[in-house]
């Protein structure tokens, strides 16, 4: 015959799991990693955003044909 598990035991297991897993996943900001300070994480996050913005602008320039110089004249215009 199976031994019944009380609701109290189930609740204890759930609380222990929540206490163990929640701080690991939710305690840090999205750009923090282990072994780096908050300033380093923020700097890395800003760098990634800046590079993504530059690449997006480069794609827009390529789409609008603004990435190559015009060859309409051979004279330099000041």
N, C-alpha and C. Protein backbone atom coordinates (compact mmCIF):
# COMPACT_ATOMS: atom_id res chain seq x y z
N UNK A 1 0.85 -1.17 0.00
CA UNK A 1 0.00 0.00 0.00
C UNK A 1 0.89 1.24 0.00
N UNK A 2 0.47 2.28 -0.72
CA UNK A 2 1.27 3.50 -0.80
C UNK A 2 1.10 4.34 0.45
N UNK A 3 2.18 4.94 0.81
CA UNK A 3 2.17 5.83 1.95
C UNK A 3 1.69 7.20 1.47
N UNK A 4 0.77 7.79 2.15
CA UNK A 4 0.27 9.09 1.71
C UNK A 4 1.22 10.20 2.17
N UNK A 5 1.36 11.18 1.31
CA UNK A 5 2.22 12.32 1.62
C UNK A 5 1.31 13.46 2.07
N UNK A 6 1.65 14.01 3.19
CA UNK A 6 0.80 15.07 3.72
C UNK A 6 1.02 16.37 2.95
N UNK A 7 0.03 17.20 2.99
CA UNK A 7 0.10 18.49 2.31
C UNK A 7 1.20 19.36 2.92
N UNK A 8 1.44 19.16 4.22
CA UNK A 8 2.49 19.93 4.89
C UNK A 8 3.86 19.62 4.31
N UNK A 9 4.15 18.35 4.04
CA UNK A 9 5.43 17.95 3.46
C UNK A 9 5.59 18.52 2.05
N UNK A 10 4.52 18.47 1.28
CA UNK A 10 4.56 19.01 -0.08
C UNK A 10 4.83 20.51 -0.03
N UNK A 11 4.18 21.20 0.89
CA UNK A 11 4.38 22.64 1.00
C UNK A 11 5.81 22.95 1.43
N UNK A 12 6.40 22.16 2.30
CA UNK A 12 7.78 22.37 2.71
C UNK A 12 8.73 22.21 1.53
N UNK A 13 8.51 21.20 0.72
CA UNK A 13 9.36 20.99 -0.46
C UNK A 13 9.23 22.16 -1.43
N UNK A 14 8.03 22.63 -1.65
CA UNK A 14 7.81 23.76 -2.56
C UNK A 14 8.50 25.01 -2.04
N UNK A 15 8.39 25.28 -0.75
CA UNK A 15 9.01 26.47 -0.17
C UNK A 15 10.53 26.37 -0.24
N UNK A 16 11.08 25.19 0.05
CA UNK A 16 12.53 25.02 -0.04
C UNK A 16 13.04 25.19 -1.48
N UNK A 17 12.30 24.66 -2.42
CA UNK A 17 12.69 24.84 -3.83
C UNK A 17 12.62 26.31 -4.22
N UNK A 18 11.58 27.00 -3.78
CA UNK A 18 11.44 28.42 -4.11
C UNK A 18 12.57 29.23 -3.47
N UNK A 19 12.93 28.90 -2.24
CA UNK A 19 14.01 29.63 -1.58
C UNK A 19 15.35 29.37 -2.25
N UNK A 20 15.51 28.20 -2.85
CA UNK A 20 16.77 27.86 -3.49
C UNK A 20 16.87 28.45 -4.90
N UNK A 21 15.81 28.32 -5.69
CA UNK A 21 15.88 28.70 -7.10
C UNK A 21 15.57 30.17 -7.37
N UNK A 22 14.69 30.80 -6.63
CA UNK A 22 14.30 32.18 -6.91
C UNK A 22 15.47 33.15 -6.76
N UNK A 23 16.28 33.09 -5.70
CA UNK A 23 17.39 34.03 -5.62
C UNK A 23 18.42 33.84 -6.73
N UNK A 24 18.57 32.62 -7.24
CA UNK A 24 19.55 32.40 -8.29
C UNK A 24 19.11 33.03 -9.61
N UNK A 25 17.83 33.03 -9.88
CA UNK A 25 17.37 33.52 -11.17
C UNK A 25 16.89 34.95 -11.16
N UNK A 26 16.45 35.48 -10.05
CA UNK A 26 15.80 36.78 -10.04
C UNK A 26 16.55 37.85 -9.24
N UNK A 27 17.64 37.49 -8.61
CA UNK A 27 18.27 38.45 -7.71
C UNK A 27 19.12 39.47 -8.44
N UNK A 28 19.65 39.13 -9.61
CA UNK A 28 20.55 40.06 -10.30
C UNK A 28 19.82 40.74 -11.44
N UNK A 29 20.40 41.85 -11.86
CA UNK A 29 19.86 42.54 -13.03
C UNK A 29 20.17 41.73 -14.27
N UNK A 30 19.55 42.06 -15.38
CA UNK A 30 19.68 41.25 -16.58
C UNK A 30 21.08 41.30 -17.17
N UNK A 31 21.87 42.33 -16.89
CA UNK A 31 23.19 42.42 -17.51
C UNK A 31 24.32 42.06 -16.55
N UNK A 32 24.02 41.62 -15.35
CA UNK A 32 25.07 41.19 -14.41
C UNK A 32 25.40 39.72 -14.65
N UNK A 33 26.68 39.39 -14.50
CA UNK A 33 27.12 38.01 -14.56
C UNK A 33 28.01 37.76 -13.36
N UNK A 34 28.19 36.50 -13.04
CA UNK A 34 29.04 36.17 -11.90
C UNK A 34 30.47 36.60 -12.20
N UNK A 35 31.13 37.19 -11.23
CA UNK A 35 32.52 37.57 -11.38
C UNK A 35 32.73 38.93 -12.00
N UNK A 36 31.68 39.67 -12.24
CA UNK A 36 31.86 41.02 -12.77
C UNK A 36 31.03 41.99 -11.95
N UNK A 37 31.56 43.19 -11.84
CA UNK A 37 30.87 44.20 -11.04
C UNK A 37 29.67 44.72 -11.82
N UNK A 38 28.82 45.45 -11.13
CA UNK A 38 27.65 46.04 -11.78
C UNK A 38 28.07 47.04 -12.85
N UNK A 39 29.14 47.79 -12.59
CA UNK A 39 29.62 48.77 -13.57
C UNK A 39 30.12 48.07 -14.84
N UNK A 40 30.82 46.94 -14.68
CA UNK A 40 31.30 46.20 -15.85
C UNK A 40 30.14 45.61 -16.65
N UNK A 41 29.14 45.10 -15.95
CA UNK A 41 27.97 44.56 -16.63
C UNK A 41 27.21 45.64 -17.38
N UNK A 42 27.07 46.81 -16.74
CA UNK A 42 26.39 47.93 -17.39
C UNK A 42 27.16 48.39 -18.61
N UNK A 43 28.49 48.46 -18.49
CA UNK A 43 29.33 48.89 -19.62
C UNK A 43 29.23 47.88 -20.77
N UNK A 44 29.22 46.59 -20.47
CA UNK A 44 29.10 45.56 -21.50
C UNK A 44 27.74 45.64 -22.19
N UNK A 45 26.69 45.89 -21.40
CA UNK A 45 25.34 46.01 -21.94
C UNK A 45 25.23 47.23 -22.86
N UNK A 46 25.76 48.35 -22.43
CA UNK A 46 25.72 49.56 -23.27
C UNK A 46 26.52 49.37 -24.56
N UNK A 47 27.65 48.67 -24.48
CA UNK A 47 28.47 48.42 -25.67
C UNK A 47 27.71 47.56 -26.67
N UNK A 48 27.02 46.53 -26.19
CA UNK A 48 26.24 45.67 -27.08
C UNK A 48 25.12 46.45 -27.75
N UNK A 49 24.45 47.32 -27.00
CA UNK A 49 23.39 48.15 -27.59
C UNK A 49 23.95 49.11 -28.62
N UNK A 50 25.12 49.71 -28.34
CA UNK A 50 25.74 50.64 -29.28
C UNK A 50 26.13 49.93 -30.58
N UNK A 51 26.71 48.74 -30.47
CA UNK A 51 27.10 47.98 -31.65
C UNK A 51 25.87 47.57 -32.45
N UNK A 52 24.82 47.14 -31.79
CA UNK A 52 23.59 46.76 -32.49
C UNK A 52 23.01 47.96 -33.23
N UNK A 53 23.04 49.13 -32.62
CA UNK A 53 22.53 50.34 -33.27
C UNK A 53 23.38 50.69 -34.49
N UNK A 54 24.69 50.58 -34.38
CA UNK A 54 25.57 50.88 -35.51
C UNK A 54 25.32 49.91 -36.67
N UNK A 55 25.15 48.64 -36.36
CA UNK A 55 24.90 47.66 -37.41
C UNK A 55 23.55 47.89 -38.08
N UNK A 56 22.54 48.28 -37.28
CA UNK A 56 21.24 48.57 -37.85
C UNK A 56 21.31 49.78 -38.79
N UNK A 57 22.04 50.82 -38.38
CA UNK A 57 22.17 52.00 -39.23
C UNK A 57 22.94 51.67 -40.50
N UNK A 58 23.93 50.79 -40.41
CA UNK A 58 24.68 50.36 -41.59
C UNK A 58 23.77 49.60 -42.56
N UNK A 59 22.87 48.77 -42.03
CA UNK A 59 21.92 48.05 -42.88
C UNK A 59 20.95 49.01 -43.56
N UNK A 60 20.50 50.03 -42.85
CA UNK A 60 19.60 51.03 -43.44
C UNK A 60 20.33 51.79 -44.54
N UNK A 61 21.58 52.18 -44.29
CA UNK A 61 22.36 52.89 -45.32
C UNK A 61 22.56 52.02 -46.56
N UNK A 62 22.81 50.74 -46.37
CA UNK A 62 22.98 49.83 -47.51
C UNK A 62 21.67 49.70 -48.29
N UNK A 63 20.55 49.58 -47.59
CA UNK A 63 19.25 49.46 -48.24
C UNK A 63 18.92 50.72 -49.05
N UNK A 64 19.26 51.89 -48.51
CA UNK A 64 18.96 53.15 -49.20
C UNK A 64 20.08 53.58 -50.14
N UNK A 65 21.08 52.72 -50.34
CA UNK A 65 22.20 52.97 -51.24
C UNK A 65 22.99 54.21 -50.84
N UNK A 66 23.13 54.43 -49.55
CA UNK A 66 23.91 55.58 -49.06
C UNK A 66 25.30 55.17 -48.60
N UNK A 67 25.65 53.92 -48.77
CA UNK A 67 26.92 53.43 -48.25
C UNK A 67 28.08 53.61 -49.23
N UNK A 68 27.78 53.93 -50.50
CA UNK A 68 28.85 54.11 -51.49
C UNK A 68 28.82 55.55 -52.00
N UNK A 69 29.98 56.08 -52.33
CA UNK A 69 29.99 57.45 -52.84
C UNK A 69 29.36 57.52 -54.24
N UNK A 70 28.77 58.66 -54.53
CA UNK A 70 28.18 58.87 -55.84
C UNK A 70 29.29 59.06 -56.88
N UNK A 71 29.10 58.52 -58.05
CA UNK A 71 30.09 58.65 -59.12
C UNK A 71 29.51 59.47 -60.28
N UNK A 72 28.74 60.48 -59.93
CA UNK A 72 28.11 61.29 -60.97
C UNK A 72 29.08 62.27 -61.61
N UNK A 73 30.11 62.67 -60.90
CA UNK A 73 31.07 63.61 -61.45
C UNK A 73 32.47 63.23 -61.00
N UNK A 74 33.44 63.59 -61.82
CA UNK A 74 34.83 63.30 -61.44
C UNK A 74 35.49 64.51 -60.77
N UNK A 75 34.77 65.65 -60.69
CA UNK A 75 35.30 66.86 -60.04
C UNK A 75 34.94 66.84 -58.56
N UNK A 76 35.87 67.29 -57.74
CA UNK A 76 35.58 67.42 -56.31
C UNK A 76 34.80 68.68 -56.06
N UNK A 77 33.76 68.57 -55.33
CA UNK A 77 32.95 69.73 -54.99
C UNK A 77 33.22 70.04 -53.52
N UNK A 78 33.59 71.31 -53.25
CA UNK A 78 33.92 71.64 -51.85
C UNK A 78 32.73 71.61 -50.93
